[in-house]
Structure formats: structure tokens, C-alpha cells
Amino acid sequence: MKKFVKATALLLMCSLLLTACGNLQDSSLSSGSGNSGKSTVQTASSSDSSSYDVLMSNGKYKTSSISGVTAADNNNQFNSRSFESGLLNLSKKEFSTNSYVFQEGQVLTSSVVTDWLGRKSDKNPDGLNPKSNGSTSPTKREPMYFQQMLEEDYLQKQNGKYKLAGMSIGIAMNKIDYYQKKQYGATYKTTISKEDQKSQGERIAKEVVKRLRKINKVGNIPIVVGIYSVAPQDTLVGGTYFQYSVSKSGDLGSWKELNYRNQVLPTVNNESAINSGDSDAFSNFKDNIQDYFPNIAGVTAQAHYDGTSLKSMDITVNTQFDGLAQITSFTQFVQQSASKYLPSDADLDINIQTVDKQQSVVTRTDGKFFSHIYNAN
């Protein structure tokens, strides 16, 4: 079991939650620490009504101890982003951004989740992955289904204090389980069917909610649970949530199917575009900005769909120039080109970078553009 520290994931979550920061609003929350027994609690407000305010303690953003805890290695860097942002979007179906404040999960600990992600055994009776059957054959062994877990907390102000009023849990299920027959040996893989992902995911989700209900801090608050399909290592996009359920106070309710899909643009391996119009629009955008500067190394995008409806694009522009004037001019041109060529109803996140550093970023949320240029040496 390993824990990977992802600073970029934290920065990403902050940017997703806070399109722009407003005033910090103070209140007190009993903590049992300090001379007064009180700690200052602040909410970092967003000017975007579709984003959550973020609860901060003593002016600091509180991270979750289970972030990055995984059952096994998967070096697809896009999974972390999709796993977090996808659960955030599912949460908005149950927890209004106008009524709840967000905080990274503070209930579950890394040691508890490490045990839950492990195989069930005499030494680890809490393991939610099935007991090993002893086989090392890719088609006969019992795979590791449960790869990662994510907790998001949603709080409301009650009698002057913020209290936990809702929770969202992400259950990441492997599509391919990578393993080694001996330490430092060759890597093998077991493919897991969609049916097994679904049945095992539902089994694990039910047990997780049952265990959470026994924690006093959780009690009978609503819990959103999403089941996520982890993208294989050799893909250029992250995975997607394929179903979710809500536990109002006791067991989980009925499961709701999701039709989220991700695709890299330009398409690769002769793959057909999910939406040819979006693919053509991106090609026009790509051609336009590559004609502007001769030193553009590449332009790629991850397109995120609900069915065939484009919801957002994450675009990476690799450059080979470094002058501040060039970066400033190019960033402005990228924003103009995005407004002209890319679908108007999709959120955008355009990262402009060299091989070794970020140069600027252009985003569009709810039709509003924002850009920032990193001018530090």
C-alpha cells in the first residue's frame, strides 16, 4: 500500500472550488486547543455561485489524510483529477453550493482506509478486497477490485459553528489490476469486466456506508457514494464515474446510472470522435494557435462528455518560447481563439507550458474567461 503526495491535485481542487476568492468570513469553532479553546474558522468565498465556499482553519486549507492512498500503483496521472472533480460534481446534485461549505475529508484516516483497501485476511479482517485464492494466473487469480477511496465533507453553520451535515465518498474500481508475481519482477494484468466492477463496487459501497454510520461524527447525515472506473495506465485520459447512490440516513438508495465519457483530442488509434463537431472545433482552434507562433510543440485536449454532450475540455499547449512578452501575447491570443473556435457552452481549462514549467493558464467557467501569467523566473 502506498501513499502518493500530489501537490498538483490540491492546487487543482482549490481552482475547481474557487473560481475567484472573495472575503474571508470568520466564525469560531470549538477545538479544544489554544488558550481560549477556540480556533478561528474561515470560509474562502467564491464569486462563482456554482462553486462551494471552502472551510479553512486558522487561515489554512485542511487536506485529507487519505488523499493519494491507493491499493496499488497506477501511473495514469489523469485519474486523480477525474476522481476528485467527478465526485465534486456528483456532490452538487445533493448538496447545494448555496447551502453547504466544502472541506476535504476529515473523518477517515489513512490507516483505516489502508486497511479497507487491503485484501480481507486473518490479519486484516476489515479488508474490502477479496481474499487471495493463491493463483498468479491473470485469468484465475482473485484481482484487486478496490483501488482508491475519496472523502469530501460538506458543512453547515449551526448556532454559530460549522458542523458536518453531508459527506460524499468516491469508490474507485479497477478496470485493469496490475500485479507482480514476485517483488521487482515483471508486471502482469488482470482485466475486470464492467459487470464485476459494478457488483463489487456496490458491495463495497454498501459496506463502507454501514461502517461510516457507526462513527459518531457521521451519524445519520446524507452520504453520496459514487463508483468510479479507473482508467488503465496506457490511456491519455482519466476514468469516469458510472453510477451513484445516496444514503439519506441509513442504507444506500437505488443506484443511478451515469453516461460520462472522456476522450483525447485529436483522436488516436483511429478512434471515432464522440462528437465530430467538437472534434472539428478543436482542430480549428489547434491550427489557429499553431499558426500564430512557430514554436508550438503540441496541442492536446481531454474532452469530458455526458453522453454526447460536451461538458468541459482540459487543454494542454506545449511551447518552446520563454519570453514574458511572447507568453503574454500568446495567452491573449489563445483566449481569443478559444472564444472564437471552441464550443461556447463547455467549461475550459487551458494550460500553457514548456517541458519544465507552467507559463500561463486560461479558464472559462459558466461563460466567463479568466487568465493568469506566471512571470516568476
Protein backbone atom coordinates (compact mmCIF):
# COMPACT_ATOMS: atom_id res chain seq x y z
CA MET A 1 0.00 0.00 0.00
CA LYS A 2 1.44 3.36 -0.95
CA LYS A 3 0.57 6.99 -0.45
CA PHE A 4 1.46 9.43 -3.19
CA VAL A 5 1.63 13.14 -2.35
CA LYS A 6 0.06 15.12 -5.14
CA ALA A 7 0.55 18.86 -4.70
CA THR A 8 -0.93 19.46 -8.14
CA ALA A 9 -4.11 17.66 -7.15
CA LEU A 10 -4.53 20.01 -4.19
CA LEU A 11 -3.99 23.05 -6.37
CA LEU A 12 -6.45 21.67 -8.87
CA MET A 13 -9.11 21.11 -6.24
CA CYS A 14 -8.67 24.67 -4.99
CA SER A 15 -9.04 26.04 -8.53
CA LEU A 16 -12.14 23.94 -9.13
CA LEU A 17 -13.76 25.13 -5.92
CA LEU A 18 -12.70 28.75 -6.09
CA THR A 19 -13.03 30.46 -9.42
CA ALA A 20 -12.10 33.65 -7.65
CA CYS A 21 -11.55 34.34 -3.95
CA GLY A 22 -13.58 36.91 -2.11
CA ASN A 23 -13.56 37.93 1.54
CA LEU A 24 -12.64 35.54 4.32
CA GLN A 25 -15.53 35.23 6.72
CA ASP A 26 -14.73 34.39 10.36
CA SER A 27 -16.57 32.30 12.91
CA SER A 28 -15.46 30.27 15.91
CA LEU A 29 -15.38 26.50 16.20
CA SER A 30 -14.62 24.65 19.42
CA SER A 31 -11.38 22.74 19.03
CA GLY A 32 -10.05 22.11 22.50
CA SER A 33 -6.73 23.73 21.57
CA GLY A 34 -5.08 27.02 22.38
CA ASN A 35 -5.53 29.25 25.42
CA SER A 36 -9.16 30.03 24.69
CA GLY A 37 -10.12 26.56 23.50
CA LYS A 38 -11.20 28.14 20.23
CA SER A 39 -9.72 28.07 16.75
CA THR A 40 -10.51 30.60 14.06
CA VAL A 41 -12.52 29.16 11.21
CA GLN A 42 -12.84 30.97 7.91
CA THR A 43 -14.66 30.36 4.67
CA ALA A 44 -12.89 31.36 1.47
CA SER A 45 -15.74 32.67 -0.62
CA SER A 46 -16.15 32.10 -4.33
CA SER A 47 -17.60 34.70 -6.66
CA ASP A 48 -18.97 31.82 -8.73
CA SER A 49 -22.36 30.63 -7.41
CA SER A 50 -21.78 27.17 -8.92
CA SER A 51 -18.71 26.62 -6.70
CA TYR A 52 -18.51 25.86 -2.99
CA ASP A 53 -17.10 28.15 -0.35
CA VAL A 54 -14.18 26.36 1.33
CA LEU A 55 -13.83 25.96 5.09
CA MET A 56 -10.39 26.95 6.37
CA SER A 57 -8.94 26.64 9.87
CA ASN A 58 -6.70 29.44 11.19
CA GLY A 59 -6.35 30.67 7.63
CA LYS A 60 -5.11 27.32 6.35
CA TYR A 61 -6.64 24.89 3.88
CA LYS A 62 -7.10 21.48 5.53
CA THR A 63 -6.12 18.48 3.43
CA SER A 64 -7.44 14.94 3.79
CA SER A 65 -5.13 12.31 5.25
CA ILE A 66 -6.46 9.71 2.79
CA SER A 67 -5.58 11.70 -0.34
CA GLY A 68 -3.33 9.59 -2.54
CA VAL A 69 -3.75 6.35 -0.59
CA THR A 70 -4.08 3.57 -3.17
CA ALA A 71 -4.19 -0.22 -3.17
CA ALA A 72 -1.59 -0.50 -5.95
CA ASP A 73 0.38 1.65 -8.39
CA ASN A 74 -1.34 3.19 -11.40
CA ASN A 75 0.78 5.81 -13.13
CA ASN A 76 -2.06 7.36 -15.14
CA GLN A 77 -1.83 10.90 -13.75
CA PHE A 78 -5.23 11.85 -15.15
CA ASN A 79 -7.13 9.53 -12.80
CA SER A 80 -6.56 11.72 -9.74
CA ARG A 81 -8.07 14.75 -11.41
CA SER A 82 -11.13 12.94 -12.77
CA PHE A 83 -11.70 11.12 -9.49
CA GLU A 84 -11.78 14.34 -7.45
CA SER A 85 -13.58 16.66 -9.86
CA GLY A 86 -16.15 13.97 -10.72
CA LEU A 87 -17.11 13.45 -7.08
CA LEU A 88 -17.36 17.20 -6.59
CA ASN A 89 -19.85 17.42 -9.45
CA LEU A 90 -21.89 14.49 -8.09
CA SER A 91 -22.00 16.21 -4.71
CA LYS A 92 -23.70 19.24 -6.22
CA LYS A 93 -26.70 17.04 -7.05
CA GLU A 94 -27.33 16.59 -3.30
CA PHE A 95 -25.52 19.44 -1.53
CA SER A 96 -26.33 22.92 -2.84
CA THR A 97 -23.40 25.30 -3.26
CA ASN A 98 -25.59 27.96 -1.66
CA SER A 99 -26.26 25.93 1.50
CA TYR A 100 -23.10 23.93 2.18
CA VAL A 101 -19.41 24.71 2.70
CA PHE A 102 -16.74 22.31 1.39
CA GLN A 103 -13.85 20.71 3.24
CA GLU A 104 -11.58 17.83 2.24
CA GLY A 105 -12.46 14.68 4.16
CA GLN A 106 -11.54 14.84 7.85
CA VAL A 107 -13.37 11.76 9.18
CA LEU A 108 -11.48 8.81 7.69
CA THR A 109 -7.80 8.32 8.49
CA SER A 110 -5.09 6.94 6.22
CA SER A 111 -4.60 3.89 8.47
CA VAL A 112 -8.30 2.99 8.34
CA VAL A 113 -8.52 3.41 4.56
CA THR A 114 -5.28 1.48 4.07
CA ASP A 115 -6.89 -1.47 5.86
CA TRP A 116 -10.11 -1.15 3.87
CA LEU A 117 -8.20 -1.13 0.56
CA GLY A 118 -6.30 -4.27 1.51
CA ARG A 119 -7.33 -7.86 0.95
CA LYS A 120 -9.51 -9.49 3.56
CA SER A 121 -7.38 -11.83 5.67
CA ASP A 122 -6.89 -13.09 9.21
CA LYS A 123 -4.50 -10.19 9.80
CA ASN A 124 -6.79 -7.69 8.08
CA PRO A 125 -10.44 -8.61 8.70
CA ASP A 126 -11.50 -5.11 7.56
CA GLY A 127 -10.12 -5.59 4.04
CA LEU A 128 -12.71 -4.91 1.34
CA ASN A 129 -10.76 -6.51 -1.48
CA PRO A 130 -11.44 -10.27 -1.60
CA LYS A 131 -9.14 -12.81 -0.04
CA SER A 132 -6.41 -14.13 -2.36
CA ASN A 133 -7.11 -17.55 -3.86
CA GLY A 134 -3.38 -18.21 -4.23
CA SER A 135 -3.31 -18.18 -8.03
CA THR A 136 -0.99 -15.89 -10.02
CA SER A 137 -2.66 -16.59 -13.36
CA PRO A 138 -4.11 -13.43 -14.97
CA THR A 139 -7.41 -15.22 -15.65
CA LYS A 140 -7.67 -17.36 -12.50
CA ARG A 141 -6.43 -15.12 -9.67
CA GLU A 142 -8.75 -13.04 -7.49
CA PRO A 143 -8.00 -9.47 -8.59
CA MET A 144 -7.79 -6.32 -6.51
CA TYR A 145 -11.02 -4.57 -7.40
CA PHE A 146 -10.96 -1.65 -4.95
CA GLN A 147 -8.17 0.81 -5.88
CA GLN A 148 -8.78 4.08 -4.06
CA MET A 149 -11.19 5.97 -1.84
CA LEU A 150 -12.04 9.66 -1.56
CA GLU A 151 -13.95 11.58 1.11
CA GLU A 152 -15.44 15.06 0.76
CA ASP A 153 -17.17 16.79 3.69
CA TYR A 154 -20.00 19.31 3.46
CA LEU A 155 -20.72 21.52 6.43
CA GLN A 156 -23.44 23.94 7.51
CA LYS A 157 -23.40 26.68 10.12
CA GLN A 158 -25.50 25.79 13.15
CA ASN A 159 -25.60 28.00 16.25
CA GLY A 160 -22.51 29.88 15.12
CA LYS A 161 -20.44 26.76 14.43
CA TYR A 162 -19.79 24.76 11.29
CA LYS A 163 -20.94 21.17 11.65
CA LEU A 164 -20.68 18.18 9.35
CA ALA A 165 -24.00 17.99 7.51
CA GLY A 166 -23.19 15.82 4.48
CA MET A 167 -20.50 13.61 3.04
CA SER A 168 -19.51 12.28 -0.37
CA ILE A 169 -17.50 9.11 -0.90
CA GLY A 170 -15.72 8.06 -4.09
CA ILE A 171 -15.15 4.34 -4.65
CA ALA A 172 -12.52 3.79 -7.37
CA MET A 173 -12.74 0.37 -9.03
CA ASN A 174 -10.03 -1.10 -11.23
CA LYS A 175 -10.72 -1.83 -14.87
CA ILE A 176 -7.31 -3.49 -15.06
CA ASP A 177 -5.50 -4.83 -11.99
CA TYR A 178 -1.72 -4.64 -12.40
CA TYR A 179 0.35 -7.05 -10.30
CA GLN A 180 3.71 -8.79 -9.99
CA LYS A 181 4.26 -12.48 -9.37
CA LYS A 182 7.40 -11.66 -7.42
CA GLN A 183 8.84 -8.44 -5.98
CA TYR A 184 10.54 -6.28 -8.64
CA GLY A 185 9.50 -8.81 -11.27
CA ALA A 186 7.56 -8.33 -14.50
CA THR A 187 4.16 -6.65 -14.38
CA TYR A 188 1.09 -8.67 -15.32
CA LYS A 189 -2.53 -7.60 -15.56
CA THR A 190 -5.99 -8.98 -14.94
CA THR A 191 -8.87 -7.40 -16.88
CA ILE A 192 -12.05 -6.84 -14.86
CA SER A 193 -15.43 -6.83 -16.58
CA LYS A 194 -17.90 -3.97 -16.26
CA GLU A 195 -20.32 -6.37 -14.57
CA ASP A 196 -17.74 -7.28 -11.91
CA GLN A 197 -16.80 -3.63 -11.43
CA LYS A 198 -20.46 -2.86 -10.82
CA SER A 199 -21.28 -5.77 -8.50
CA GLN A 200 -18.08 -5.46 -6.47
CA GLY A 201 -18.43 -1.68 -6.32
CA GLU A 202 -21.97 -1.91 -4.98
CA ARG A 203 -20.87 -4.49 -2.40
CA ILE A 204 -18.01 -2.28 -1.22
CA ALA A 205 -20.13 0.89 -1.19
CA LYS A 206 -22.81 -0.77 0.96
CA GLU A 207 -20.21 -1.92 3.49
CA VAL A 208 -18.47 1.47 3.56
CA VAL A 209 -21.73 3.26 4.36
CA LYS A 210 -22.50 0.68 7.05
CA ARG A 211 -19.14 1.35 8.68
CA LEU A 212 -19.47 5.12 8.37
CA ARG A 213 -22.83 5.05 10.12
CA LYS A 214 -21.11 3.62 13.20
CA ILE A 215 -18.89 6.72 13.51
CA ASN A 216 -20.47 9.21 15.92
CA LYS A 217 -19.40 12.21 13.88
CA VAL A 218 -21.23 10.84 10.83
CA GLY A 219 -24.44 9.57 12.40
CA ASN A 220 -27.43 10.00 10.09
CA ILE A 221 -26.17 12.71 7.74
CA PRO A 222 -26.76 12.22 3.98
CA ILE A 223 -23.97 10.36 2.19
CA VAL A 224 -23.42 10.47 -1.58
CA VAL A 225 -21.49 7.47 -2.95
CA GLY A 226 -20.10 7.41 -6.49
CA ILE A 227 -18.46 4.40 -8.15
CA TYR A 228 -15.57 5.30 -10.43
CA SER A 229 -13.90 3.23 -13.15
CA VAL A 230 -10.12 3.71 -13.02
CA ALA A 231 -8.58 4.34 -16.46
CA PRO A 232 -5.75 1.97 -17.47
CA GLN A 233 -2.15 3.15 -17.34
CA ASP A 234 -1.70 3.40 -21.11
CA THR A 235 -4.59 5.78 -21.77
CA LEU A 236 -4.32 9.55 -22.19
CA VAL A 237 -7.50 10.36 -20.25
CA GLY A 238 -8.74 9.72 -16.74
CA GLY A 239 -11.56 7.42 -15.71
CA THR A 240 -15.22 8.25 -15.10
CA TYR A 241 -17.97 7.71 -12.54
CA PHE A 242 -20.52 5.25 -13.91
CA GLN A 243 -23.15 5.23 -11.15
CA TYR A 244 -24.01 6.82 -7.82
CA SER A 245 -26.43 6.48 -4.94
CA VAL A 246 -27.47 8.49 -1.89
CA SER A 247 -27.91 7.26 1.66
CA LYS A 248 -30.31 9.70 3.30
CA SER A 249 -29.85 8.37 6.81
CA GLY A 250 -29.47 4.58 6.70
CA ASP A 251 -28.70 2.26 3.80
CA LEU A 252 -27.99 3.35 0.23
CA GLY A 253 -30.91 4.11 -2.04
CA SER A 254 -31.31 2.91 -5.63
CA TRP A 255 -28.36 3.28 -7.99
CA LYS A 256 -28.50 5.92 -10.73
CA GLU A 257 -26.61 5.14 -13.93
CA LEU A 258 -24.24 7.73 -15.42
CA ASN A 259 -23.07 8.03 -19.02
CA TYR A 260 -19.89 10.03 -18.56
CA ARG A 261 -17.12 9.56 -21.14
CA ASN A 262 -13.69 11.04 -21.73
CA GLN A 263 -11.81 11.30 -24.99
CA VAL A 264 -8.43 12.68 -26.04
CA LEU A 265 -8.34 15.12 -28.96
CA PRO A 266 -7.04 14.82 -31.60
CA THR A 267 -8.33 11.26 -31.53
CA VAL A 268 -5.75 8.46 -31.57
CA ASN A 269 -5.58 4.89 -32.88
CA ASN A 270 -8.28 5.58 -35.49
CA GLU A 271 -10.84 6.13 -32.74
CA SER A 272 -14.08 7.76 -33.85
CA ALA A 273 -14.89 11.11 -32.27
CA ILE A 274 -17.70 11.07 -29.70
CA ASN A 275 -18.93 14.29 -31.29
CA SER A 276 -17.49 15.18 -34.70
CA GLY A 277 -18.49 18.82 -34.34
CA ASP A 278 -16.46 19.18 -31.14
CA SER A 279 -13.53 17.39 -32.76
CA ASP A 280 -13.61 19.76 -35.74
CA ALA A 281 -13.87 22.79 -33.46
CA PHE A 282 -10.80 21.70 -31.53
CA SER A 283 -8.87 21.09 -34.77
CA ASN A 284 -9.67 24.63 -35.91
CA PHE A 285 -8.55 26.03 -32.54
CA LYS A 286 -5.36 23.97 -32.65
CA ASP A 287 -4.49 25.02 -36.21
CA ASN A 288 -5.16 28.66 -35.44
CA ILE A 289 -2.84 28.93 -32.44
CA GLN A 290 -0.13 26.83 -34.09
CA ASP A 291 -0.11 29.28 -37.00
CA TYR A 292 0.37 32.21 -34.61
CA PHE A 293 3.72 31.10 -33.16
CA PRO A 294 6.20 28.81 -34.93
CA ASN A 295 7.43 27.23 -31.69
CA ILE A 296 4.31 25.35 -30.58
CA ALA A 297 5.35 21.79 -29.76
CA GLY A 298 1.87 20.35 -29.42
CA VAL A 299 -1.78 20.94 -28.51
CA THR A 300 -3.93 18.20 -26.98
CA ALA A 301 -7.22 18.07 -25.10
CA GLN A 302 -9.22 15.86 -22.81
CA ALA A 303 -12.89 16.24 -23.69
CA HIS A 304 -15.40 15.31 -20.98
CA TYR A 305 -18.89 14.21 -22.04
CA ASP A 306 -22.22 13.34 -20.56
CA GLY A 307 -23.47 11.07 -23.31
CA THR A 308 -22.64 13.06 -26.46
CA SER A 309 -22.95 16.44 -24.73
CA LEU A 310 -19.59 18.15 -24.14
CA LYS A 311 -19.27 19.42 -20.56
CA SER A 312 -15.65 20.57 -20.39
CA MET A 313 -12.25 20.48 -22.05
CA ASP A 314 -8.83 20.31 -20.41
CA ILE A 315 -6.32 21.55 -22.98
CA THR A 316 -2.53 21.43 -22.81
CA VAL A 317 -0.43 23.69 -25.05
CA ASN A 318 3.29 22.89 -25.10
CA THR A 319 5.55 25.73 -26.21
CA GLN A 320 9.25 26.29 -26.77
CA PHE A 321 9.49 30.00 -26.01
CA ASP A 322 10.09 31.67 -22.66
CA GLY A 323 9.97 35.45 -23.06
CA LEU A 324 7.39 37.25 -20.92
CA ALA A 325 6.19 39.41 -23.83
CA GLN A 326 5.74 36.30 -26.00
CA ILE A 327 3.86 34.44 -23.27
CA THR A 328 1.61 37.44 -22.57
CA SER A 329 0.78 37.95 -26.25
CA PHE A 330 0.25 34.24 -26.86
CA THR A 331 -2.00 33.83 -23.80
CA GLN A 332 -4.23 36.65 -25.02
CA PHE A 333 -4.37 35.06 -28.46
CA VAL A 334 -5.24 31.65 -27.01
CA GLN A 335 -8.14 33.17 -25.09
CA GLN A 336 -9.42 34.93 -28.22
CA SER A 337 -9.08 31.73 -30.25
CA ALA A 338 -10.88 29.69 -27.59
CA SER A 339 -13.76 32.15 -27.60
CA LYS A 340 -13.94 32.03 -31.41
CA TYR A 341 -13.50 28.33 -32.17
CA LEU A 342 -14.32 26.14 -29.14
CA PRO A 343 -17.92 25.19 -28.17
CA SER A 344 -19.37 28.07 -26.17
CA ASP A 345 -21.27 26.02 -23.60
CA ALA A 346 -18.32 23.97 -22.31
CA ASP A 347 -16.04 24.91 -19.42
CA LEU A 348 -12.38 25.22 -20.40
CA ASP A 349 -9.06 24.76 -18.62
CA ILE A 350 -6.13 25.63 -20.93
CA ASN A 351 -2.63 25.14 -19.54
CA ILE A 352 0.24 26.75 -21.48
CA GLN A 353 3.61 25.27 -20.56
CA THR A 354 7.13 24.33 -21.52
CA VAL A 355 8.66 20.95 -20.69
CA ASP A 356 9.76 22.10 -17.23
CA LYS A 357 7.34 24.80 -16.11
CA GLN A 358 3.85 26.29 -16.31
CA GLN A 359 3.73 29.57 -18.21
CA SER A 360 0.09 30.63 -18.05
CA VAL A 361 -3.45 29.37 -17.70
CA VAL A 362 -6.73 30.32 -19.37
CA THR A 363 -10.02 29.11 -17.93
CA ARG A 364 -13.68 29.58 -18.78
CA THR A 365 -16.37 28.76 -16.24
CA ASP A 366 -20.05 29.47 -16.90
CA GLY A 367 -19.06 31.53 -19.94
CA LYS A 368 -16.59 33.77 -18.06
CA PHE A 369 -12.91 33.80 -19.05
CA PHE A 370 -10.02 34.17 -16.62
CA SER A 371 -6.30 34.14 -17.41
CA HIS A 372 -3.12 34.27 -15.37
CA ILE A 373 0.52 34.55 -16.45
CA TYR A 374 3.28 33.13 -14.26
CA ASN A 375 6.04 35.72 -14.59
CA ALA A 376 8.40 34.44 -11.90
CA ASN A 377 11.87 33.47 -13.11
